[in-house]
Amino acid sequence: MSSIELTQDEKGKASYTLGDVIVSTRNNFPDPRYRPITYLDTPQYHLYGINPAPFSVWVTADGIGTKPELAERLSQLNRPTFKEGDANYDYFDTLAFDVASMIKGDTDRFGHFLLGFANVVDTNTATEGMISALARGAAAACNEGGALLC
């Protein structure tokens, strides 16, 4: 399966798509005292924060490594007559669950609780369908885990 280089407009649309996940999941944390305060919320930028006093804040991150490439190959294997524009991105909408699980395991191991996690998409070769699937998966992982996406 070949990916195409995204135009600036497509990259902008991807940012809006993933930004919608941030907006829709920011109040997922079960205890409202620790839900983020809105400092700036525009269509292009969402800035939220918390005042954790008297508690400490811990930040951790993890990556999904080669899972997107594996998802792309699985998608291709299951569609042997693949043509550009005929992609199936069902394998991409579960990748955020892996990131959330790895980060949750790290925070639990040290006795901390997870407020949110970061899902960074750093690529020049993606499609709108792939970004939409990643965004759907991130929202589902946040909603199921009671966390917010950072």
Protein backbone atom coordinates (compact mmCIF):
# COMPACT_ATOMS: atom_id res chain seq x y z
CA MET A 1 0.00 0.00 0.00
CA SER A 2 1.46 3.33 -0.89
CA SER A 3 0.90 6.41 1.22
CA ILE A 4 0.84 9.88 -0.22
CA GLU A 5 2.52 13.03 1.03
CA LEU A 6 0.00 15.26 2.78
CA THR A 7 -0.54 18.81 1.59
CA GLN A 8 -0.54 21.67 4.09
CA ASP A 9 -4.36 21.73 3.92
CA GLU A 10 -4.54 18.01 4.65
CA LYS A 11 -2.14 18.39 7.58
CA GLY A 12 -4.31 21.22 8.88
CA LYS A 13 -7.43 19.08 8.59
CA ALA A 14 -5.66 16.26 10.45
CA SER A 15 -4.85 18.72 13.27
CA TYR A 16 -8.52 19.73 13.48
CA THR A 17 -9.59 16.06 13.53
CA LEU A 18 -7.24 15.21 16.39
CA GLY A 19 -8.08 18.50 18.14
CA ASP A 20 -11.73 17.42 18.20
CA VAL A 21 -10.65 14.37 20.22
CA ILE A 22 -9.00 16.64 22.80
CA VAL A 23 -12.16 18.73 23.14
CA SER A 24 -14.46 15.71 23.39
CA THR A 25 -12.37 13.84 25.99
CA ARG A 26 -11.05 16.60 28.24
CA ASN A 27 -13.69 16.03 30.93
CA ASN A 28 -13.37 12.24 31.04
CA PHE A 29 -11.46 12.05 34.31
CA PRO A 30 -13.93 10.75 36.91
CA ASP A 31 -13.08 13.26 39.66
CA PRO A 32 -14.20 16.72 38.45
CA ARG A 33 -11.67 18.41 40.76
CA TYR A 34 -8.90 17.29 38.42
CA ARG A 35 -10.51 18.06 35.11
CA PRO A 36 -8.64 20.68 33.11
CA ILE A 37 -9.38 24.37 33.22
CA THR A 38 -9.76 26.02 29.83
CA TYR A 39 -7.13 28.69 29.31
CA LEU A 40 -7.55 29.10 25.56
CA ASP A 41 -9.92 27.33 23.21
CA THR A 42 -9.97 28.28 19.55
CA PRO A 43 -10.69 26.16 16.48
CA GLN A 44 -6.94 25.89 15.90
CA TYR A 45 -5.60 25.54 19.43
CA HIS A 46 -6.76 24.05 22.73
CA LEU A 47 -4.89 24.98 25.91
CA TYR A 48 -6.09 23.28 29.09
CA GLY A 49 -4.41 22.90 32.46
CA ILE A 50 -4.96 21.81 36.04
CA ASN A 51 -3.98 23.07 39.45
CA PRO A 52 -3.03 19.83 41.22
CA ALA A 53 -2.19 21.35 44.62
CA PRO A 54 -1.46 19.78 47.05
CA PHE A 55 -0.59 16.81 44.82
CA SER A 56 2.33 16.26 42.47
CA VAL A 57 1.94 15.93 38.74
CA TRP A 58 3.78 13.20 36.89
CA VAL A 59 4.16 13.08 33.15
CA THR A 60 4.96 9.98 31.17
CA ALA A 61 4.81 9.10 27.51
CA ASP A 62 5.20 6.06 25.34
CA GLY A 63 5.23 5.39 21.64
CA ILE A 64 3.50 2.81 19.53
CA GLY A 65 6.66 1.97 17.64
CA THR A 66 6.09 -0.03 14.49
CA LYS A 67 2.40 -0.74 15.13
CA PRO A 68 1.19 1.72 12.43
CA GLU A 69 3.36 -0.05 9.87
CA LEU A 70 2.02 -3.41 11.03
CA ALA A 71 -1.55 -2.09 10.80
CA GLU A 72 -0.88 -0.88 7.27
CA ARG A 73 0.50 -4.28 6.26
CA LEU A 74 -2.45 -6.12 7.84
CA SER A 75 -4.82 -3.85 5.99
CA GLN A 76 -3.00 -4.58 2.75
CA LEU A 77 -2.97 -8.34 3.35
CA ASN A 78 -6.70 -8.40 3.87
CA ARG A 79 -7.36 -6.42 0.72
CA PRO A 80 -5.28 -8.12 -1.96
CA THR A 81 -6.92 -6.13 -4.73
CA PHE A 82 -5.93 -2.83 -3.10
CA LYS A 83 -6.16 0.28 -5.24
CA GLU A 84 -5.24 3.79 -4.08
CA GLY A 85 -8.24 5.30 -2.33
CA ASP A 86 -9.66 1.85 -1.47
CA ALA A 87 -7.98 1.55 1.92
CA ASN A 88 -9.42 -0.08 5.00
CA TYR A 89 -8.19 1.64 8.15
CA ASP A 90 -9.98 -0.54 10.68
CA TYR A 91 -6.62 -1.70 12.03
CA PHE A 92 -5.62 1.86 12.94
CA ASP A 93 -8.50 2.66 15.27
CA THR A 94 -7.19 0.35 18.01
CA LEU A 95 -3.62 1.68 18.18
CA ALA A 96 -4.40 4.31 20.83
CA PHE A 97 -5.51 1.54 23.19
CA ASP A 98 -1.93 0.22 23.11
CA VAL A 99 -0.45 3.61 24.00
CA ALA A 100 -3.03 4.14 26.77
CA SER A 101 -2.38 0.66 28.19
CA MET A 102 1.40 1.09 28.24
CA ILE A 103 1.17 4.49 29.94
CA LYS A 104 -1.51 3.31 32.40
CA GLY A 105 0.70 0.37 33.35
CA ASP A 106 3.60 2.72 34.05
CA THR A 107 1.53 5.06 36.22
CA ASP A 108 -0.13 2.19 38.14
CA ARG A 109 3.22 0.57 38.85
CA PHE A 110 4.32 3.68 40.77
CA GLY A 111 0.99 4.21 42.52
CA HIS A 112 -0.06 7.23 40.46
CA PHE A 113 -3.31 7.80 38.62
CA LEU A 114 -3.59 8.65 34.97
CA LEU A 115 -5.18 11.96 34.01
CA GLY A 116 -4.39 11.77 30.33
CA PHE A 117 -1.98 10.63 27.70
CA ALA A 118 -0.33 12.06 24.62
CA ASN A 119 -0.94 10.65 21.18
CA VAL A 120 1.59 12.16 18.79
CA VAL A 121 1.18 11.62 15.07
CA ASP A 122 4.41 12.57 13.36
CA THR A 123 4.24 11.63 9.73
CA ASN A 124 4.25 13.18 6.29
CA THR A 125 2.69 10.17 4.64
CA ALA A 126 -0.83 9.51 5.87
CA THR A 127 -4.31 9.75 4.51
CA GLU A 128 -7.46 11.36 5.83
CA GLY A 129 -8.88 7.89 6.47
CA MET A 130 -5.86 6.90 8.55
CA ILE A 131 -6.01 10.09 10.65
CA SER A 132 -9.76 9.66 11.17
CA ALA A 133 -9.22 6.07 12.33
CA LEU A 134 -6.45 7.16 14.72
CA ALA A 135 -8.71 9.91 16.10
CA ARG A 136 -11.66 7.52 16.56
CA GLY A 137 -9.41 5.11 18.39
CA ALA A 138 -7.94 7.81 20.62
CA ALA A 139 -11.42 9.03 21.59
CA ALA A 140 -12.57 5.46 22.28
CA ALA A 141 -9.49 4.71 24.42
CA CYS A 142 -10.00 7.91 26.41
CA ASN A 143 -13.72 7.31 26.87
CA GLU A 144 -13.26 3.70 27.95
CA GLY A 145 -10.37 4.47 30.29
CA GLY A 146 -11.80 7.65 31.83
CA ALA A 147 -8.75 9.62 30.71
CA LEU A 148 -8.25 12.65 28.59
CA LEU A 149 -6.02 13.03 25.57
CA CYS A 150 -3.22 15.54 25.99
